[in-house]
């Protein structure tokens, strides 16, 4: 599968209600189920298929999930993450500081649907407190963010050009860095680290948006650099750039 280690399909199943029969192959146009892969997700393109488009609508309200007494918050977080995979317009986050689950939804109707699903699937009656508007942060002028990670026997350096984008354009990532200075494998790893995380701004702690982030330079050590070093350097470069632009940042929702 694209972007991941190869995985093996053990069975191809044709379902009819709760029963199924095994087939040896799937042909174009066939709707079937497969067993074996463990890293798949809704909307994923397998083989030559492109990824499905991201949903146009995004949730605008944030709620704290209130769990009944004795309910394991971390298990419920995993259960809600499963629902999030099935419903891309539902956003589930864990607030580390408050040690609580937070959910972003569109409004009252989606709240009732969510509560009903959780009760039906997991047997838990959850409640959501008073909602607050989901804000997002962006920048208004171009800045450069620089991140270093160099404890003993580790080294990574990342330079990012952060430019304001058009409203509604979201985050876009690219690389414009010579391979003479940074190997292509390291560049791809940095782009992966940029895409894998929901980066938060420094004004309100809101998620950032409407930005073009370009890798323009970086350095690695032949002996001491490991993959995790660039994760730390990348996150620090984003934050340093946001701090640089903090006086000129604005909130959008």
Protein backbone atom coordinates (compact mmCIF):
# COMPACT_ATOMS: atom_id res chain seq x y z
CA UNK A 1 0.00 0.00 0.00
CA UNK A 2 1.20 3.51 -0.81
CA UNK A 3 3.33 5.20 1.82
CA UNK A 4 3.37 2.10 4.05
CA UNK A 5 5.15 -1.22 4.37
CA UNK A 6 3.61 -3.92 2.13
CA UNK A 7 0.82 -5.92 3.76
CA UNK A 8 -0.65 -9.26 2.80
CA UNK A 9 -4.32 -9.98 2.08
CA UNK A 10 -5.29 -13.28 3.69
CA UNK A 11 -8.85 -13.63 2.42
CA UNK A 12 -11.19 -11.98 -0.08
CA UNK A 13 -14.79 -12.21 1.10
CA UNK A 14 -18.12 -11.60 -0.65
CA UNK A 15 -20.73 -10.74 2.00
CA UNK A 16 -24.48 -11.30 1.97
CA UNK A 17 -25.89 -10.08 5.26
CA UNK A 18 -23.85 -11.73 8.01
CA UNK A 19 -22.73 -14.61 5.77
CA UNK A 20 -19.88 -14.58 3.29
CA UNK A 21 -18.10 -16.78 0.78
CA UNK A 22 -14.40 -16.76 -0.11
CA UNK A 23 -13.22 -15.91 -3.63
CA UNK A 24 -9.78 -16.15 -5.16
CA UNK A 25 -9.67 -12.72 -6.76
CA UNK A 26 -11.44 -9.36 -6.94
CA UNK A 27 -12.20 -7.84 -10.33
CA UNK A 28 -12.95 -4.20 -11.26
CA UNK A 29 -16.33 -3.07 -9.95
CA UNK A 30 -16.55 -5.81 -7.33
CA UNK A 31 -17.46 -4.81 -3.75
CA UNK A 32 -15.73 -7.11 -1.32
CA UNK A 33 -14.00 -7.29 2.06
CA UNK A 34 -10.44 -8.40 2.74
CA UNK A 35 -8.70 -9.62 5.87
CA UNK A 36 -5.06 -9.17 6.78
CA UNK A 37 -4.10 -5.47 6.44
CA UNK A 38 -4.00 -3.65 9.79
CA UNK A 39 -3.08 -0.08 8.79
CA UNK A 40 -5.93 0.68 6.39
CA UNK A 41 -8.35 3.56 6.94
CA UNK A 42 -11.52 4.91 5.29
CA UNK A 43 -10.77 6.82 2.08
CA UNK A 44 -7.34 5.23 1.61
CA UNK A 45 -6.24 4.55 -1.96
CA UNK A 46 -4.74 1.07 -2.41
CA UNK A 47 -2.43 0.25 -5.29
CA UNK A 48 -2.86 2.81 -8.07
CA UNK A 49 -6.04 4.33 -6.62
CA UNK A 50 -5.89 7.95 -5.43
CA UNK A 51 -6.87 8.94 -1.90
CA UNK A 52 -10.46 10.12 -1.50
CA UNK A 53 -10.91 13.87 -1.25
CA UNK A 54 -10.97 15.47 2.18
CA UNK A 55 -14.42 16.54 3.42
CA UNK A 56 -15.34 20.10 2.55
CA UNK A 57 -17.10 20.73 5.86
CA UNK A 58 -15.12 21.01 9.07
CA UNK A 59 -16.52 21.01 12.61
CA UNK A 60 -16.84 24.45 14.20
CA UNK A 61 -17.74 23.58 17.81
CA UNK A 62 -15.55 22.00 20.47
CA UNK A 63 -16.95 20.03 23.45
CA UNK A 64 -15.49 18.24 26.46
CA UNK A 65 -16.63 14.62 26.72
CA UNK A 66 -18.04 13.77 30.15
CA UNK A 67 -17.73 10.05 30.93
CA UNK A 68 -19.74 8.07 33.50
CA UNK A 69 -17.99 7.15 36.74
CA UNK A 70 -15.60 4.22 36.37
CA UNK A 71 -15.25 4.57 32.60
CA UNK A 72 -11.65 4.24 31.33
CA UNK A 73 -10.89 7.48 29.46
CA UNK A 74 -8.07 5.97 27.40
CA UNK A 75 -10.19 3.04 26.24
CA UNK A 76 -13.01 5.42 25.34
CA UNK A 77 -10.51 7.57 23.44
CA UNK A 78 -9.54 4.54 21.33
CA UNK A 79 -13.21 3.73 20.73
CA UNK A 80 -13.99 7.31 19.68
CA UNK A 81 -10.94 7.31 17.38
CA UNK A 82 -12.51 4.32 15.64
CA UNK A 83 -15.66 6.36 15.03
CA UNK A 84 -13.51 9.26 13.81
CA UNK A 85 -12.02 7.01 11.12
CA UNK A 86 -15.51 6.12 9.94
CA UNK A 87 -16.75 9.73 10.03
CA UNK A 88 -14.06 12.20 8.82
CA UNK A 89 -16.17 15.22 9.86
CA UNK A 90 -15.85 14.10 13.48
CA UNK A 91 -12.63 15.21 15.20
CA UNK A 92 -11.49 13.57 18.43
CA UNK A 93 -8.55 14.94 20.45
CA UNK A 94 -6.91 14.26 23.79
CA UNK A 95 -6.15 17.32 25.91
CA UNK A 96 -2.99 16.31 27.74
CA UNK A 97 -3.01 19.25 30.11
CA UNK A 98 -6.64 18.75 31.22
CA UNK A 99 -6.47 14.94 30.86
CA UNK A 100 -9.76 14.86 29.02
CA UNK A 101 -11.28 13.87 25.69
CA UNK A 102 -12.49 16.66 23.45
CA UNK A 103 -14.68 16.32 20.39
CA UNK A 104 -15.28 18.73 17.51
CA UNK A 105 -18.67 18.50 15.79
CA UNK A 106 -20.98 20.55 13.58
CA UNK A 107 -23.86 20.97 16.03
CA UNK A 108 -26.70 19.44 18.04
CA UNK A 109 -27.76 16.87 15.46
CA UNK A 110 -24.27 15.39 15.19
CA UNK A 111 -24.01 15.37 19.00
CA UNK A 112 -27.13 13.23 19.29
CA UNK A 113 -25.92 10.90 16.54
CA UNK A 114 -22.56 10.55 18.29
CA UNK A 115 -24.12 9.79 21.68
CA UNK A 116 -26.41 7.21 20.09
CA UNK A 117 -23.51 5.53 18.26
CA UNK A 118 -21.36 5.37 21.40
CA UNK A 119 -24.22 3.88 23.42
CA UNK A 120 -25.02 1.33 20.72
CA UNK A 121 -21.45 0.32 19.85
CA UNK A 122 -19.69 0.59 23.21
CA UNK A 123 -22.47 0.60 25.80
CA UNK A 124 -21.41 3.93 27.34
CA UNK A 125 -23.65 6.94 27.96
CA UNK A 126 -21.48 9.99 27.30
CA UNK A 127 -22.42 13.64 27.73
CA UNK A 128 -20.93 16.75 26.18
CA UNK A 129 -20.54 20.02 28.07
CA UNK A 130 -21.20 23.51 26.73
CA UNK A 131 -19.50 23.99 23.38
CA UNK A 132 -16.99 26.62 22.31
CA UNK A 133 -16.10 27.84 18.82
CA UNK A 134 -13.18 26.10 17.10
CA UNK A 135 -10.71 28.80 16.12
CA UNK A 136 -7.71 28.41 13.83
CA UNK A 137 -4.55 30.47 13.57
CA UNK A 138 -2.52 31.57 10.58
CA UNK A 139 0.19 34.09 9.73
CA UNK A 140 0.02 37.31 7.73
CA UNK A 141 3.63 37.63 6.61
CA UNK A 142 6.36 35.27 5.45
CA UNK A 143 8.75 34.01 8.14
CA UNK A 144 11.51 31.41 8.40
CA UNK A 145 11.37 28.81 11.15
CA UNK A 146 14.56 27.10 12.28
CA UNK A 147 14.68 24.01 14.46
CA UNK A 148 17.70 22.27 16.01
CA UNK A 149 17.86 19.00 17.89
CA UNK A 150 21.31 18.16 19.17
CA UNK A 151 21.55 16.39 22.52
CA UNK A 152 24.55 14.10 23.02
CA UNK A 153 25.06 11.84 19.96
CA UNK A 154 22.06 13.26 18.12
CA UNK A 155 21.84 15.98 15.50
CA UNK A 156 19.24 17.41 13.11
CA UNK A 157 18.61 20.88 11.71
CA UNK A 158 15.55 22.05 9.74
CA UNK A 159 14.80 25.38 8.03
CA UNK A 160 11.21 26.04 6.95
CA UNK A 161 9.84 28.92 4.88
CA UNK A 162 6.34 29.66 6.18
CA UNK A 163 4.13 31.76 3.89
CA UNK A 164 0.49 32.86 4.34
CA UNK A 165 -1.95 31.08 2.03
CA UNK A 166 -5.35 31.92 0.61
CA UNK A 167 -8.28 31.65 3.04
CA UNK A 168 -9.59 28.10 2.97
CA UNK A 169 -6.46 26.66 1.35
CA UNK A 170 -5.41 24.74 4.47
CA UNK A 171 -1.83 23.59 4.96
CA UNK A 172 0.38 22.81 1.98
CA UNK A 173 3.84 21.26 2.29
CA UNK A 174 6.69 21.11 -0.21
CA UNK A 175 10.48 20.93 -0.42
CA UNK A 176 12.88 23.28 -2.19
CA UNK A 177 16.14 22.03 -0.74
CA UNK A 178 19.25 20.89 -2.60
CA UNK A 179 20.19 17.24 -2.15
CA UNK A 180 23.80 18.39 -1.94
CA UNK A 181 22.96 19.67 1.56
CA UNK A 182 20.30 17.20 2.68
CA UNK A 183 19.65 13.72 1.31
CA UNK A 184 16.28 13.15 -0.33
CA UNK A 185 15.34 10.47 2.21
CA UNK A 186 15.74 12.98 5.04
CA UNK A 187 13.69 15.52 3.08
CA UNK A 188 10.84 13.05 2.64
CA UNK A 189 11.00 12.22 6.33
CA UNK A 190 10.69 15.91 7.26
CA UNK A 191 7.64 16.30 4.99
CA UNK A 192 6.11 13.24 6.63
CA UNK A 193 6.62 14.78 10.07
CA UNK A 194 5.00 18.02 8.88
CA UNK A 195 1.94 16.15 7.62
CA UNK A 196 1.52 13.70 10.50
CA UNK A 197 0.71 16.22 13.21
CA UNK A 198 -1.94 18.87 13.79
CA UNK A 199 0.34 21.79 14.57
CA UNK A 200 -0.93 24.32 17.10
CA UNK A 201 -0.39 28.07 17.08
CA UNK A 202 1.20 30.08 19.87
CA UNK A 203 -1.56 32.66 20.41
CA UNK A 204 -4.59 30.61 21.44
CA UNK A 205 -3.24 27.08 21.01
CA UNK A 206 -5.57 26.64 18.04
CA UNK A 207 -4.70 24.50 15.05
CA UNK A 208 -2.87 26.37 12.28
CA UNK A 209 -4.25 26.69 8.74
CA UNK A 210 -3.95 28.55 5.42
CA UNK A 211 -0.17 28.29 5.15
CA UNK A 212 2.42 27.13 2.63
CA UNK A 213 5.32 25.50 4.49
CA UNK A 214 8.41 24.79 2.39
CA UNK A 215 11.54 22.92 3.44
CA UNK A 216 14.40 25.13 2.23
CA UNK A 217 17.42 23.78 4.14
CA UNK A 218 18.52 21.19 6.64
CA UNK A 219 21.52 19.32 7.97
CA UNK A 220 22.20 15.82 9.21
CA UNK A 221 25.24 14.17 10.81
CA UNK A 222 26.68 11.14 9.05
CA UNK A 223 27.12 9.27 12.31
CA UNK A 224 24.73 10.65 14.90
CA UNK A 225 21.49 11.50 13.05
CA UNK A 226 18.49 9.20 13.52
CA UNK A 227 14.96 9.47 12.15
CA UNK A 228 13.45 10.69 15.40
CA UNK A 229 15.94 13.57 15.50
CA UNK A 230 14.28 15.16 12.46
CA UNK A 231 10.85 14.80 14.05
CA UNK A 232 11.97 16.95 16.96
CA UNK A 233 13.80 19.45 14.73
CA UNK A 234 10.78 19.75 12.41
CA UNK A 235 8.31 20.41 15.23
CA UNK A 236 10.70 22.98 16.74
CA UNK A 237 11.11 24.74 13.38
CA UNK A 238 7.34 25.10 13.00
CA UNK A 239 6.95 26.46 16.51
CA UNK A 240 9.90 28.84 16.18
CA UNK A 241 8.43 30.21 12.95
CA UNK A 242 5.04 30.68 14.60
CA UNK A 243 6.68 32.49 17.53
CA UNK A 244 8.49 34.72 15.04
CA UNK A 245 5.18 35.60 13.40
CA UNK A 246 3.17 35.76 16.65
CA UNK A 247 2.88 39.53 16.64
CA UNK A 248 1.35 39.36 13.15
CA UNK A 249 -0.79 36.20 13.54
CA UNK A 250 -4.59 36.24 13.34
CA UNK A 251 -7.38 33.79 14.23
CA UNK A 252 -9.86 32.36 11.73
CA UNK A 253 -12.80 30.04 12.22
